[in-house]
Amino acid sequence: MKKYLREIEISALILIIIGIVCSWIWGANFGMWPCCVGLLLWLVSFLYKAFHWNEYARENKQNIMILLIAIIILILQMIIRL
């Protein structure tokens, strides 16, 4: 698993970008599926690194910051749309 982490993360990022572009072009329903698969792949690598904290401490801190920023952005978008 360790040697495939980078490929899993890159695949997840590419799928998320594809999902975002598809949702802009064809609508949210069409772009949702690649985003979901990409997020699930990212979650797999995130959980693996979380269980091996000592080895991936720096990357875990970066992932936690990215996750917090994404949550804040989503909350702000929900508040603005109300």
N, C-alpha and C. Protein backbone atom coordinates (compact mmCIF):
# COMPACT_ATOMS: atom_id res chain seq x y z
N MET A 1 0.83 -1.20 0.00
CA MET A 1 0.00 0.00 0.00
C MET A 1 0.87 1.25 0.00
N LYS A 2 1.97 1.18 0.73
CA LYS A 2 2.82 2.36 0.89
C LYS A 2 3.35 2.88 -0.45
N LYS A 3 3.72 1.97 -1.35
CA LYS A 3 4.30 2.42 -2.61
C LYS A 3 3.26 2.95 -3.58
N TYR A 4 1.97 2.72 -3.31
CA TYR A 4 0.91 3.20 -4.19
C TYR A 4 0.20 4.44 -3.67
N LEU A 5 0.62 4.96 -2.52
CA LEU A 5 -0.06 6.13 -1.95
C LEU A 5 -0.04 7.33 -2.88
N ARG A 6 1.09 7.59 -3.49
CA ARG A 6 1.21 8.75 -4.37
C ARG A 6 0.28 8.62 -5.57
N GLU A 7 0.23 7.41 -6.15
CA GLU A 7 -0.65 7.20 -7.30
C GLU A 7 -2.12 7.33 -6.91
N ILE A 8 -2.48 6.86 -5.73
CA ILE A 8 -3.86 6.98 -5.26
C ILE A 8 -4.22 8.45 -5.07
N GLU A 9 -3.31 9.23 -4.48
CA GLU A 9 -3.58 10.65 -4.26
C GLU A 9 -3.70 11.41 -5.58
N ILE A 10 -2.84 11.12 -6.54
CA ILE A 10 -2.90 11.79 -7.84
C ILE A 10 -4.18 11.40 -8.58
N SER A 11 -4.55 10.12 -8.52
CA SER A 11 -5.79 9.68 -9.15
C SER A 11 -7.00 10.37 -8.52
N ALA A 12 -6.98 10.50 -7.20
CA ALA A 12 -8.07 11.18 -6.51
C ALA A 12 -8.17 12.63 -6.94
N LEU A 13 -7.05 13.31 -7.03
CA LEU A 13 -7.03 14.71 -7.44
C LEU A 13 -7.54 14.88 -8.86
N ILE A 14 -7.12 14.01 -9.75
CA ILE A 14 -7.57 14.08 -11.14
C ILE A 14 -9.07 13.85 -11.23
N LEU A 15 -9.59 12.87 -10.49
CA LEU A 15 -11.03 12.60 -10.52
C LEU A 15 -11.83 13.75 -9.94
N ILE A 16 -11.32 14.37 -8.90
CA ILE A 16 -12.02 15.53 -8.33
C ILE A 16 -12.06 16.68 -9.33
N ILE A 17 -10.95 16.93 -9.99
CA ILE A 17 -10.92 18.01 -11.00
C ILE A 17 -11.86 17.68 -12.16
N ILE A 18 -11.88 16.43 -12.61
CA ILE A 18 -12.79 16.03 -13.67
C ILE A 18 -14.24 16.23 -13.23
N GLY A 19 -14.54 15.87 -12.00
CA GLY A 19 -15.90 16.04 -11.49
C GLY A 19 -16.31 17.49 -11.42
N ILE A 20 -15.40 18.36 -11.00
CA ILE A 20 -15.70 19.79 -10.93
C ILE A 20 -15.96 20.36 -12.32
N VAL A 21 -15.11 20.00 -13.27
CA VAL A 21 -15.28 20.49 -14.65
C VAL A 21 -16.58 19.96 -15.24
N CYS A 22 -16.88 18.69 -15.02
CA CYS A 22 -18.13 18.12 -15.54
C CYS A 22 -19.35 18.78 -14.92
N SER A 23 -19.26 19.12 -13.64
CA SER A 23 -20.41 19.78 -13.01
C SER A 23 -20.60 21.19 -13.54
N TRP A 24 -19.51 21.86 -13.92
CA TRP A 24 -19.64 23.19 -14.53
C TRP A 24 -20.26 23.11 -15.92
N ILE A 25 -19.87 22.08 -16.67
CA ILE A 25 -20.32 21.97 -18.05
C ILE A 25 -21.71 21.35 -18.15
N TRP A 26 -21.93 20.19 -17.51
CA TRP A 26 -23.16 19.43 -17.70
C TRP A 26 -24.11 19.46 -16.50
N GLY A 27 -23.69 19.99 -15.40
CA GLY A 27 -24.56 20.04 -14.22
C GLY A 27 -24.02 19.22 -13.06
N ALA A 28 -24.54 19.50 -11.89
CA ALA A 28 -24.02 18.90 -10.66
C ALA A 28 -24.24 17.40 -10.59
N ASN A 29 -25.32 16.90 -11.14
CA ASN A 29 -25.59 15.46 -11.06
C ASN A 29 -24.56 14.65 -11.82
N PHE A 30 -24.11 15.15 -12.95
CA PHE A 30 -23.14 14.43 -13.76
C PHE A 30 -21.74 14.48 -13.13
N GLY A 31 -21.38 15.61 -12.56
CA GLY A 31 -20.04 15.76 -11.98
C GLY A 31 -19.89 15.20 -10.59
N MET A 32 -21.01 14.83 -9.97
CA MET A 32 -20.95 14.34 -8.60
C MET A 32 -20.21 13.01 -8.50
N TRP A 33 -20.39 12.11 -9.44
CA TRP A 33 -19.83 10.77 -9.33
C TRP A 33 -18.31 10.74 -9.40
N PRO A 34 -17.66 11.41 -10.34
CA PRO A 34 -16.19 11.42 -10.30
C PRO A 34 -15.65 12.07 -9.02
N CYS A 35 -16.34 13.11 -8.54
CA CYS A 35 -15.91 13.76 -7.29
C CYS A 35 -16.02 12.79 -6.12
N CYS A 36 -17.10 12.06 -6.06
CA CYS A 36 -17.28 11.10 -4.95
C CYS A 36 -16.21 10.01 -4.97
N VAL A 37 -15.92 9.49 -6.15
CA VAL A 37 -14.88 8.46 -6.25
C VAL A 37 -13.52 9.04 -5.88
N GLY A 38 -13.24 10.25 -6.34
CA GLY A 38 -11.98 10.90 -5.99
C GLY A 38 -11.86 11.16 -4.50
N LEU A 39 -12.94 11.60 -3.88
CA LEU A 39 -12.91 11.84 -2.44
C LEU A 39 -12.75 10.54 -1.65
N LEU A 40 -13.35 9.46 -2.13
CA LEU A 40 -13.17 8.18 -1.46
C LEU A 40 -11.73 7.69 -1.57
N LEU A 41 -11.12 7.88 -2.74
CA LEU A 41 -9.70 7.51 -2.88
C LEU A 41 -8.81 8.36 -1.97
N TRP A 42 -9.12 9.65 -1.88
CA TRP A 42 -8.35 10.53 -1.00
C TRP A 42 -8.54 10.10 0.45
N LEU A 43 -9.74 9.68 0.81
CA LEU A 43 -10.02 9.22 2.16
C LEU A 43 -9.21 7.97 2.50
N VAL A 44 -9.05 7.07 1.53
CA VAL A 44 -8.25 5.87 1.75
C VAL A 44 -6.81 6.24 2.10
N SER A 45 -6.21 7.12 1.33
CA SER A 45 -4.83 7.52 1.62
C SER A 45 -4.75 8.31 2.92
N PHE A 46 -5.76 9.14 3.19
CA PHE A 46 -5.81 9.92 4.43
C PHE A 46 -5.86 9.00 5.65
N LEU A 47 -6.71 7.98 5.59
CA LEU A 47 -6.82 7.05 6.72
C LEU A 47 -5.56 6.21 6.89
N TYR A 48 -4.95 5.79 5.79
CA TYR A 48 -3.71 5.02 5.90
C TYR A 48 -2.63 5.85 6.58
N LYS A 49 -2.51 7.11 6.17
CA LYS A 49 -1.50 7.97 6.78
C LYS A 49 -1.84 8.30 8.23
N ALA A 50 -3.12 8.37 8.55
CA ALA A 50 -3.51 8.64 9.93
C ALA A 50 -3.14 7.48 10.85
N PHE A 51 -3.28 6.26 10.35
CA PHE A 51 -2.91 5.10 11.16
C PHE A 51 -1.40 4.91 11.28
N HIS A 52 -0.65 5.54 10.40
CA HIS A 52 0.82 5.53 10.45
C HIS A 52 1.31 6.95 10.70
N TRP A 53 0.85 7.53 11.79
CA TRP A 53 1.06 8.96 12.07
C TRP A 53 2.54 9.34 12.13
N ASN A 54 3.35 8.56 12.81
CA ASN A 54 4.76 8.93 13.00
C ASN A 54 5.50 9.04 11.68
N GLU A 55 5.16 8.20 10.75
CA GLU A 55 5.83 8.21 9.45
C GLU A 55 5.37 9.36 8.56
N TYR A 56 4.10 9.78 8.70
CA TYR A 56 3.52 10.79 7.83
C TYR A 56 3.03 12.02 8.60
N ALA A 57 3.70 12.39 9.66
CA ALA A 57 3.22 13.47 10.54
C ALA A 57 3.08 14.79 9.78
N ARG A 58 4.06 15.16 8.99
CA ARG A 58 4.02 16.43 8.26
C ARG A 58 2.87 16.45 7.25
N GLU A 59 2.72 15.39 6.50
CA GLU A 59 1.66 15.32 5.50
C GLU A 59 0.29 15.26 6.16
N ASN A 60 0.20 14.61 7.33
CA ASN A 60 -1.07 14.57 8.04
C ASN A 60 -1.50 15.95 8.48
N LYS A 61 -0.57 16.75 8.95
CA LYS A 61 -0.91 18.11 9.37
C LYS A 61 -1.39 18.94 8.17
N GLN A 62 -0.75 18.77 7.02
CA GLN A 62 -1.19 19.47 5.82
C GLN A 62 -2.59 19.01 5.41
N ASN A 63 -2.84 17.70 5.46
CA ASN A 63 -4.16 17.18 5.09
C ASN A 63 -5.24 17.69 6.03
N ILE A 64 -4.93 17.79 7.32
CA ILE A 64 -5.91 18.30 8.27
C ILE A 64 -6.21 19.76 7.98
N MET A 65 -5.20 20.55 7.65
CA MET A 65 -5.42 21.97 7.31
C MET A 65 -6.27 22.09 6.04
N ILE A 66 -5.99 21.30 5.03
CA ILE A 66 -6.77 21.32 3.79
C ILE A 66 -8.21 20.95 4.09
N LEU A 67 -8.41 19.93 4.91
CA LEU A 67 -9.76 19.51 5.26
C LEU A 67 -10.51 20.59 6.02
N LEU A 68 -9.86 21.26 6.96
CA LEU A 68 -10.50 22.34 7.71
C LEU A 68 -10.86 23.52 6.81
N ILE A 69 -9.97 23.86 5.89
CA ILE A 69 -10.25 24.96 4.95
C ILE A 69 -11.43 24.61 4.06
N ALA A 70 -11.49 23.35 3.58
CA ALA A 70 -12.61 22.93 2.74
C ALA A 70 -13.92 22.98 3.51
N ILE A 71 -13.90 22.57 4.77
CA ILE A 71 -15.11 22.62 5.59
C ILE A 71 -15.56 24.05 5.80
N ILE A 72 -14.63 24.95 6.06
CA ILE A 72 -14.98 26.36 6.26
C ILE A 72 -15.57 26.94 4.98
N ILE A 73 -14.99 26.62 3.83
CA ILE A 73 -15.51 27.12 2.56
C ILE A 73 -16.92 26.60 2.32
N LEU A 74 -17.16 25.32 2.60
CA LEU A 74 -18.50 24.76 2.40
C LEU A 74 -19.52 25.41 3.33
N ILE A 75 -19.13 25.65 4.58
CA ILE A 75 -20.05 26.32 5.52
C ILE A 75 -20.35 27.73 5.06
N LEU A 76 -19.33 28.45 4.59
CA LEU A 76 -19.57 29.82 4.09
C LEU A 76 -20.48 29.82 2.89
N GLN A 77 -20.32 28.86 2.00
CA GLN A 77 -21.19 28.77 0.84
C GLN A 77 -22.63 28.48 1.25
N MET A 78 -22.81 27.64 2.25
CA MET A 78 -24.16 27.35 2.73
C MET A 78 -24.80 28.59 3.35
N ILE A 79 -24.02 29.37 4.09
CA ILE A 79 -24.54 30.57 4.73
C ILE A 79 -24.88 31.62 3.68
N ILE A 80 -24.05 31.78 2.68
CA ILE A 80 -24.28 32.80 1.65
C ILE A 80 -25.55 32.46 0.85
N ARG A 81 -25.79 31.17 0.59
CA ARG A 81 -26.96 30.78 -0.22
C ARG A 81 -28.27 30.91 0.55
N LEU A 82 -28.22 31.04 1.87
CA LEU A 82 -29.46 31.18 2.63
C LEU A 82 -29.96 32.55 2.49
